[in-house]
């Protein structure tokens, strides 16, 4: 589990044979084999490390669901260690399980901020709500606007400076993880649909009547 608050930007050294190697510093300070580190929002398990690098195994499913295949030697990647019980939850609950990939459609300056508009599939946009949370390349961000084919977030200068977003341009692709709470709520309600379901569910789960009875 992560918060979406990026700790450092690392450098990709190798991605081949089902393994990824990344040069890093801060996230290695207390690392141990088996630890989880989010790489551009993707939860990966440390299989080897030294003073300046760590490696992790990458499954074919992970490559299919994310933008990993587009990375090259020297690509800059956002890194975050897993949440501890002593950590401040400065962002939102991020699982590190990517829902899909979106494309930057526009970047517009607004005062000291930049409005970043991302085009995404309907399966992702169904979970995007205005003023809700979304993780882009592992960065916890607040949705400023939600549309039928895209959504917009507002970036403060600090976020751009300490993440790989400063290198992104129109057409760049980003890993997207939507708020997991919305997915659970949808599945629990009758007629709701969980990711991967072929059709809406017809029975079971919470009902509005039950919630009213309980005072909600």
C-alpha atoms as a PDB file:
ATOM      1  CA  UNK A   1       0.000   0.000   0.000  1.00  0.00           C
ATOM      2  CA  UNK A   2       1.253   3.485  -0.909  1.00  0.00           C
ATOM      3  CA  UNK A   3       0.238   7.132  -0.492  1.00  0.00           C
ATOM      4  CA  UNK A   4       1.064   8.564  -3.908  1.00  0.00           C
ATOM      5  CA  UNK A   5       3.657  10.940  -2.419  1.00  0.00           C
ATOM      6  CA  UNK A   6       6.801  10.429  -4.523  1.00  0.00           C
ATOM      7  CA  UNK A   7      10.044  10.071  -2.573  1.00  0.00           C
ATOM      8  CA  UNK A   8      12.516  10.366  -5.409  1.00  0.00           C
ATOM      9  CA  UNK A   9      12.969  10.000  -9.152  1.00  0.00           C
ATOM     10  CA  UNK A  10      15.136   7.042 -10.136  1.00  0.00           C
ATOM     11  CA  UNK A  11      16.740   6.022 -13.437  1.00  0.00           C
ATOM     12  CA  UNK A  12      15.939   2.910 -15.448  1.00  0.00           C
ATOM     13  CA  UNK A  13      19.063   0.922 -16.179  1.00  0.00           C
ATOM     14  CA  UNK A  14      17.618  -2.268 -17.618  1.00  0.00           C
ATOM     15  CA  UNK A  15      14.273  -3.799 -18.555  1.00  0.00           C
ATOM     16  CA  UNK A  16      14.685  -7.218 -20.159  1.00  0.00           C
ATOM     17  CA  UNK A  17      14.025 -10.878 -19.536  1.00  0.00           C
ATOM     18  CA  UNK A  18      11.197 -10.195 -17.118  1.00  0.00           C
ATOM     19  CA  UNK A  19      13.394  -8.093 -14.832  1.00  0.00           C
ATOM     20  CA  UNK A  20      13.753  -4.369 -14.224  1.00  0.00           C
ATOM     21  CA  UNK A  21      16.817  -2.664 -12.708  1.00  0.00           C
ATOM     22  CA  UNK A  22      16.660   0.885 -11.367  1.00  0.00           C
ATOM     23  CA  UNK A  23      19.298   3.240 -10.012  1.00  0.00           C
ATOM     24  CA  UNK A  24      18.050   4.948  -6.848  1.00  0.00           C
ATOM     25  CA  UNK A  25      19.184   6.365  -3.508  1.00  0.00           C
ATOM     26  CA  UNK A  26      16.544   7.330  -0.948  1.00  0.00           C
ATOM     27  CA  UNK A  27      14.310   4.280  -1.363  1.00  0.00           C
ATOM     28  CA  UNK A  28      17.356   2.070  -0.713  1.00  0.00           C
ATOM     29  CA  UNK A  29      18.070   3.523   2.731  1.00  0.00           C
ATOM     30  CA  UNK A  30      16.242   0.755   4.619  1.00  0.00           C
ATOM     31  CA  UNK A  31      15.429  -1.674   1.817  1.00  0.00           C
ATOM     32  CA  UNK A  32      15.185  -5.440   2.333  1.00  0.00           C
ATOM     33  CA  UNK A  33      14.555  -8.335  -0.013  1.00  0.00           C
ATOM     34  CA  UNK A  34      10.832  -8.728  -0.605  1.00  0.00           C
ATOM     35  CA  UNK A  35      10.021  -5.067   0.064  1.00  0.00           C
ATOM     36  CA  UNK A  36       7.516  -3.303  -2.172  1.00  0.00           C
ATOM     37  CA  UNK A  37       8.535  -0.225  -4.145  1.00  0.00           C
ATOM     38  CA  UNK A  38       6.171   1.603  -6.495  1.00  0.00           C
ATOM     39  CA  UNK A  39       7.791   2.384  -9.852  1.00  0.00           C
ATOM     40  CA  UNK A  40       5.695   4.908 -11.807  1.00  0.00           C
ATOM     41  CA  UNK A  41       2.836   3.722  -9.606  1.00  0.00           C
ATOM     42  CA  UNK A  42       3.419  -0.004 -10.223  1.00  0.00           C
ATOM     43  CA  UNK A  43       3.900  -2.093  -7.083  1.00  0.00           C
ATOM     44  CA  UNK A  44       7.045  -4.197  -7.593  1.00  0.00           C
ATOM     45  CA  UNK A  45       8.886  -6.560  -5.240  1.00  0.00           C
ATOM     46  CA  UNK A  46      12.609  -6.089  -4.611  1.00  0.00           C
ATOM     47  CA  UNK A  47      14.535  -9.223  -5.613  1.00  0.00           C
ATOM     48  CA  UNK A  48      18.076  -7.843  -5.375  1.00  0.00           C
ATOM     49  CA  UNK A  49      19.715  -4.596  -4.277  1.00  0.00           C
ATOM     50  CA  UNK A  50      23.040  -2.939  -3.600  1.00  0.00           C
ATOM     51  CA  UNK A  51      24.102   0.552  -2.543  1.00  0.00           C
ATOM     52  CA  UNK A  52      22.876   2.206  -5.743  1.00  0.00           C
ATOM     53  CA  UNK A  53      20.401  -0.131  -7.469  1.00  0.00           C
ATOM     54  CA  UNK A  54      17.509  -2.495  -6.995  1.00  0.00           C
ATOM     55  CA  UNK A  55      15.930  -5.066  -9.264  1.00  0.00           C
ATOM     56  CA  UNK A  56      12.427  -6.537  -9.439  1.00  0.00           C
ATOM     57  CA  UNK A  57      10.634  -9.159 -11.481  1.00  0.00           C
ATOM     58  CA  UNK A  58       8.064  -7.905 -13.999  1.00  0.00           C
ATOM     59  CA  UNK A  59       5.206 -10.160 -15.140  1.00  0.00           C
ATOM     60  CA  UNK A  60       3.788 -10.047 -18.691  1.00  0.00           C
ATOM     61  CA  UNK A  61       0.455  -8.876 -17.217  1.00  0.00           C
ATOM     62  CA  UNK A  62       2.205  -5.879 -15.687  1.00  0.00           C
ATOM     63  CA  UNK A  63       3.755  -4.937 -19.027  1.00  0.00           C
ATOM     64  CA  UNK A  64       0.383  -5.263 -20.793  1.00  0.00           C
ATOM     65  CA  UNK A  65      -1.426  -3.037 -18.286  1.00  0.00           C
ATOM     66  CA  UNK A  66       1.157  -0.276 -17.970  1.00  0.00           C
ATOM     67  CA  UNK A  67       3.539   1.954 -19.891  1.00  0.00           C
ATOM     68  CA  UNK A  68       6.621  -0.033 -18.820  1.00  0.00           C
ATOM     69  CA  UNK A  69       7.316  -1.277 -22.347  1.00  0.00           C
ATOM     70  CA  UNK A  70       7.769   2.335 -23.489  1.00  0.00           C
ATOM     71  CA  UNK A  71      10.621   3.005 -21.047  1.00  0.00           C
ATOM     72  CA  UNK A  72      14.194   3.048 -22.283  1.00  0.00           C
ATOM     73  CA  UNK A  73      17.641   3.055 -20.681  1.00  0.00           C
ATOM     74  CA  UNK A  74      17.923   6.343 -18.797  1.00  0.00           C
ATOM     75  CA  UNK A  75      14.160   6.906 -18.438  1.00  0.00           C
ATOM     76  CA  UNK A  76      13.261   8.697 -15.225  1.00  0.00           C
ATOM     77  CA  UNK A  77      10.767   6.911 -12.974  1.00  0.00           C
ATOM     78  CA  UNK A  78       8.828   7.938  -9.863  1.00  0.00           C
ATOM     79  CA  UNK A  79       9.666   5.886  -6.758  1.00  0.00           C
ATOM     80  CA  UNK A  80       7.866   5.393  -3.445  1.00  0.00           C
ATOM     81  CA  UNK A  81       8.414   2.871  -0.666  1.00  0.00           C
ATOM     82  CA  UNK A  82       5.410   1.077   0.816  1.00  0.00           C
ATOM     83  CA  UNK A  83       3.396   2.818   3.520  1.00  0.00           C
ATOM     84  CA  UNK A  84       4.199   2.064   7.185  1.00  0.00           C
ATOM     85  CA  UNK A  85       1.897   2.506  10.181  1.00  0.00           C
ATOM     86  CA  UNK A  86       4.072   5.441  11.267  1.00  0.00           C
ATOM     87  CA  UNK A  87       3.753   7.252   7.931  1.00  0.00           C
ATOM     88  CA  UNK A  88       1.605  10.306   7.299  1.00  0.00           C
ATOM     89  CA  UNK A  89      -1.064   9.596   4.692  1.00  0.00           C
ATOM     90  CA  UNK A  90      -0.335  12.753   2.731  1.00  0.00           C
ATOM     91  CA  UNK A  91      -1.949  11.583  -0.500  1.00  0.00           C
ATOM     92  CA  UNK A  92      -4.597   8.854  -0.712  1.00  0.00           C
ATOM     93  CA  UNK A  93      -4.704   5.065  -0.498  1.00  0.00           C
ATOM     94  CA  UNK A  94      -2.822   3.734  -3.530  1.00  0.00           C
ATOM     95  CA  UNK A  95      -2.483  -0.024  -4.115  1.00  0.00           C
ATOM     96  CA  UNK A  96       0.108   0.064  -6.886  1.00  0.00           C
ATOM     97  CA  UNK A  97      -2.169  -1.976  -9.154  1.00  0.00           C
ATOM     98  CA  UNK A  98      -2.545  -0.088 -12.432  1.00  0.00           C
ATOM     99  CA  UNK A  99      -5.971   0.091 -14.089  1.00  0.00           C
ATOM    100  CA  UNK A 100      -4.678   1.223 -17.469  1.00  0.00           C
ATOM    101  CA  UNK A 101      -2.745   3.849 -19.384  1.00  0.00           C
ATOM    102  CA  UNK A 102      -3.863   7.345 -20.382  1.00  0.00           C
ATOM    103  CA  UNK A 103      -2.412   9.918 -22.780  1.00  0.00           C
ATOM    104  CA  UNK A 104      -1.686  13.564 -22.028  1.00  0.00           C
ATOM    105  CA  UNK A 105      -4.043  15.538 -24.276  1.00  0.00           C
ATOM    106  CA  UNK A 106      -3.293  19.093 -23.095  1.00  0.00           C
ATOM    107  CA  UNK A 107      -1.077  21.101 -20.741  1.00  0.00           C
ATOM    108  CA  UNK A 108      -2.215  24.622 -19.924  1.00  0.00           C
ATOM    109  CA  UNK A 109      -0.653  27.150 -17.556  1.00  0.00           C
ATOM    110  CA  UNK A 110      -2.999  28.637 -14.952  1.00  0.00           C
ATOM    111  CA  UNK A 111      -1.242  31.044 -12.622  1.00  0.00           C
ATOM    112  CA  UNK A 112       1.504  29.098 -10.855  1.00  0.00           C
ATOM    113  CA  UNK A 113      -0.143  25.773 -11.740  1.00  0.00           C
ATOM    114  CA  UNK A 114      -0.456  23.638 -14.852  1.00  0.00           C
ATOM    115  CA  UNK A 115      -3.726  22.022 -15.864  1.00  0.00           C
ATOM    116  CA  UNK A 116      -2.902  18.546 -17.141  1.00  0.00           C
ATOM    117  CA  UNK A 117      -5.627  16.867 -19.197  1.00  0.00           C
ATOM    118  CA  UNK A 118      -5.461  13.105 -19.673  1.00  0.00           C
ATOM    119  CA  UNK A 119      -7.408  11.116 -22.249  1.00  0.00           C
ATOM    120  CA  UNK A 120      -8.450   7.669 -21.014  1.00  0.00           C
ATOM    121  CA  UNK A 121     -10.793   4.775 -21.769  1.00  0.00           C
ATOM    122  CA  UNK A 122     -14.374   4.659 -20.522  1.00  0.00           C
ATOM    123  CA  UNK A 123     -13.461   1.784 -18.187  1.00  0.00           C
ATOM    124  CA  UNK A 124     -11.128   4.155 -16.346  1.00  0.00           C
ATOM    125  CA  UNK A 125     -13.257   7.293 -16.594  1.00  0.00           C
ATOM    126  CA  UNK A 126     -16.213   5.575 -14.888  1.00  0.00           C
ATOM    127  CA  UNK A 127     -14.203   5.807 -11.624  1.00  0.00           C
ATOM    128  CA  UNK A 128     -12.989   9.391 -12.090  1.00  0.00           C
ATOM    129  CA  UNK A 129     -15.005  11.988 -10.157  1.00  0.00           C
ATOM    130  CA  UNK A 130     -14.481  15.722  -9.752  1.00  0.00           C
ATOM    131  CA  UNK A 131     -12.484  16.493  -6.578  1.00  0.00           C
ATOM    132  CA  UNK A 132     -11.796  12.782  -6.198  1.00  0.00           C
ATOM    133  CA  UNK A 133      -8.343  11.208  -6.133  1.00  0.00           C
ATOM    134  CA  UNK A 134      -6.350   9.568  -8.923  1.00  0.00           C
ATOM    135  CA  UNK A 135      -2.759   8.320  -9.151  1.00  0.00           C
ATOM    136  CA  UNK A 136      -0.818   9.211 -12.319  1.00  0.00           C
ATOM    137  CA  UNK A 137       2.521   7.414 -12.623  1.00  0.00           C
ATOM    138  CA  UNK A 138       2.127   6.845  -8.879  1.00  0.00           C
ATOM    139  CA  UNK A 139       1.514  10.515  -8.018  1.00  0.00           C
ATOM    140  CA  UNK A 140      -1.528  11.242  -5.859  1.00  0.00           C
ATOM    141  CA  UNK A 141      -3.506  14.026  -7.542  1.00  0.00           C
ATOM    142  CA  UNK A 142      -6.937  15.646  -7.211  1.00  0.00           C
ATOM    143  CA  UNK A 143      -9.303  15.642 -10.183  1.00  0.00           C
ATOM    144  CA  UNK A 144     -10.194  19.213 -11.172  1.00  0.00           C
ATOM    145  CA  UNK A 145     -12.591  18.276 -13.963  1.00  0.00           C
ATOM    146  CA  UNK A 146     -14.067  14.999 -15.219  1.00  0.00           C
ATOM    147  CA  UNK A 147     -15.448  14.638 -18.743  1.00  0.00           C
ATOM    148  CA  UNK A 148     -16.771  11.929 -21.022  1.00  0.00           C
ATOM    149  CA  UNK A 149     -13.425  11.224 -22.715  1.00  0.00           C
ATOM    150  CA  UNK A 150     -10.810  12.842 -20.481  1.00  0.00           C
ATOM    151  CA  UNK A 151     -10.114  14.335 -17.072  1.00  0.00           C
ATOM    152  CA  UNK A 152      -7.984  17.193 -15.771  1.00  0.00           C
ATOM    153  CA  UNK A 153      -5.725  17.576 -12.735  1.00  0.00           C
ATOM    154  CA  UNK A 154      -3.940  20.703 -11.516  1.00  0.00           C
ATOM    155  CA  UNK A 155      -0.203  20.488 -10.808  1.00  0.00           C
ATOM    156  CA  UNK A 156       1.577  22.759  -8.360  1.00  0.00           C
ATOM    157  CA  UNK A 157       5.211  23.617  -9.184  1.00  0.00           C
ATOM    158  CA  UNK A 158       6.522  21.362  -6.363  1.00  0.00           C
ATOM    159  CA  UNK A 159       4.846  18.267  -7.839  1.00  0.00           C
ATOM    160  CA  UNK A 160       6.382  18.860 -11.253  1.00  0.00           C
ATOM    161  CA  UNK A 161       9.801  19.589  -9.779  1.00  0.00           C
ATOM    162  CA  UNK A 162      10.152  16.389  -7.698  1.00  0.00           C
ATOM    163  CA  UNK A 163       8.561  13.916 -10.141  1.00  0.00           C
ATOM    164  CA  UNK A 164       8.995  12.791 -13.729  1.00  0.00           C
ATOM    165  CA  UNK A 165       6.058  14.974 -14.807  1.00  0.00           C
ATOM    166  CA  UNK A 166       8.509  17.757 -15.627  1.00  0.00           C
ATOM    167  CA  UNK A 167       9.675  15.612 -18.562  1.00  0.00           C
ATOM    168  CA  UNK A 168       6.196  14.767 -19.872  1.00  0.00           C
ATOM    169  CA  UNK A 169       4.729  16.353 -22.980  1.00  0.00           C
ATOM    170  CA  UNK A 170       1.477  16.207 -24.935  1.00  0.00           C
ATOM    171  CA  UNK A 171       1.210  12.633 -26.194  1.00  0.00           C
ATOM    172  CA  UNK A 172       3.137  11.165 -23.247  1.00  0.00           C
ATOM    173  CA  UNK A 173       1.513   8.142 -21.648  1.00  0.00           C
ATOM    174  CA  UNK A 174       0.846   7.776 -17.924  1.00  0.00           C
ATOM    175  CA  UNK A 175      -0.058   4.834 -15.695  1.00  0.00           C
ATOM    176  CA  UNK A 176      -3.459   5.386 -14.085  1.00  0.00           C
ATOM    177  CA  UNK A 177      -4.780   3.930 -10.841  1.00  0.00           C
ATOM    178  CA  UNK A 178      -8.277   5.059  -9.898  1.00  0.00           C
ATOM    179  CA  UNK A 179      -9.538   5.305  -6.328  1.00  0.00           C
ATOM    180  CA  UNK A 180     -10.080   1.760  -5.078  1.00  0.00           C
ATOM    181  CA  UNK A 181     -12.978   2.810  -2.839  1.00  0.00           C
ATOM    182  CA  UNK A 182     -15.164   3.579  -5.846  1.00  0.00           C
ATOM    183  CA  UNK A 183     -14.569   0.113  -7.288  1.00  0.00           C
ATOM    184  CA  UNK A 184     -15.605  -1.614  -4.064  1.00  0.00           C
ATOM    185  CA  UNK A 185     -18.727   0.517  -3.714  1.00  0.00           C
ATOM    186  CA  UNK A 186     -19.773  -0.236  -7.286  1.00  0.00           C
ATOM    187  CA  UNK A 187     -19.327  -3.973  -6.820  1.00  0.00           C
ATOM    188  CA  UNK A 188     -21.332  -4.051  -3.574  1.00  0.00           C
ATOM    189  CA  UNK A 189     -24.417  -2.396  -5.034  1.00  0.00           C
ATOM    190  CA  UNK A 190     -26.926  -4.496  -7.017  1.00  0.00           C
ATOM    191  CA  UNK A 191     -26.346  -3.956 -10.713  1.00  0.00           C
ATOM    192  CA  UNK A 192     -22.842  -2.772  -9.988  1.00  0.00           C
ATOM    193  CA  UNK A 193     -19.923  -3.987 -12.036  1.00  0.00           C
ATOM    194  CA  UNK A 194     -16.463  -4.882 -10.893  1.00  0.00           C
ATOM    195  CA  UNK A 195     -13.457  -4.502 -13.215  1.00  0.00           C
ATOM    196  CA  UNK A 196     -13.308  -7.578 -15.425  1.00  0.00           C
ATOM    197  CA  UNK A 197     -17.020  -8.424 -15.116  1.00  0.00           C
ATOM    198  CA  UNK A 198     -18.641  -9.174 -18.455  1.00  0.00           C
ATOM    199  CA  UNK A 199     -21.956  -7.635 -17.402  1.00  0.00           C
ATOM    200  CA  UNK A 200     -23.521  -5.796 -14.456  1.00  0.00           C
ATOM    201  CA  UNK A 201     -24.328  -7.980 -11.472  1.00  0.00           C
ATOM    202  CA  UNK A 202     -28.026  -8.583 -10.939  1.00  0.00           C
ATOM    203  CA  UNK A 203     -28.381  -9.354  -7.243  1.00  0.00           C
ATOM    204  CA  UNK A 204     -26.775  -9.127  -3.836  1.00  0.00           C
ATOM    205  CA  UNK A 205     -24.794  -6.399  -2.108  1.00  0.00           C
ATOM    206  CA  UNK A 206     -25.896  -3.155  -0.503  1.00  0.00           C
ATOM    207  CA  UNK A 207     -29.178  -1.445  -1.255  1.00  0.00           C
ATOM    208  CA  UNK A 208     -30.324   2.143  -0.776  1.00  0.00           C
ATOM    209  CA  UNK A 209     -33.087   0.836   1.491  1.00  0.00           C
ATOM    210  CA  UNK A 210     -30.579  -0.872   3.772  1.00  0.00           C
ATOM    211  CA  UNK A 211     -28.443   2.269   3.974  1.00  0.00           C
ATOM    212  CA  UNK A 212     -31.498   4.392   4.899  1.00  0.00           C
ATOM    213  CA  UNK A 213     -32.417   1.906   7.641  1.00  0.00           C
ATOM    214  CA  UNK A 214     -28.929   2.269   9.071  1.00  0.00           C
ATOM    215  CA  UNK A 215     -29.147   6.060   9.115  1.00  0.00           C
ATOM    216  CA  UNK A 216     -27.061   6.851   6.053  1.00  0.00           C
END
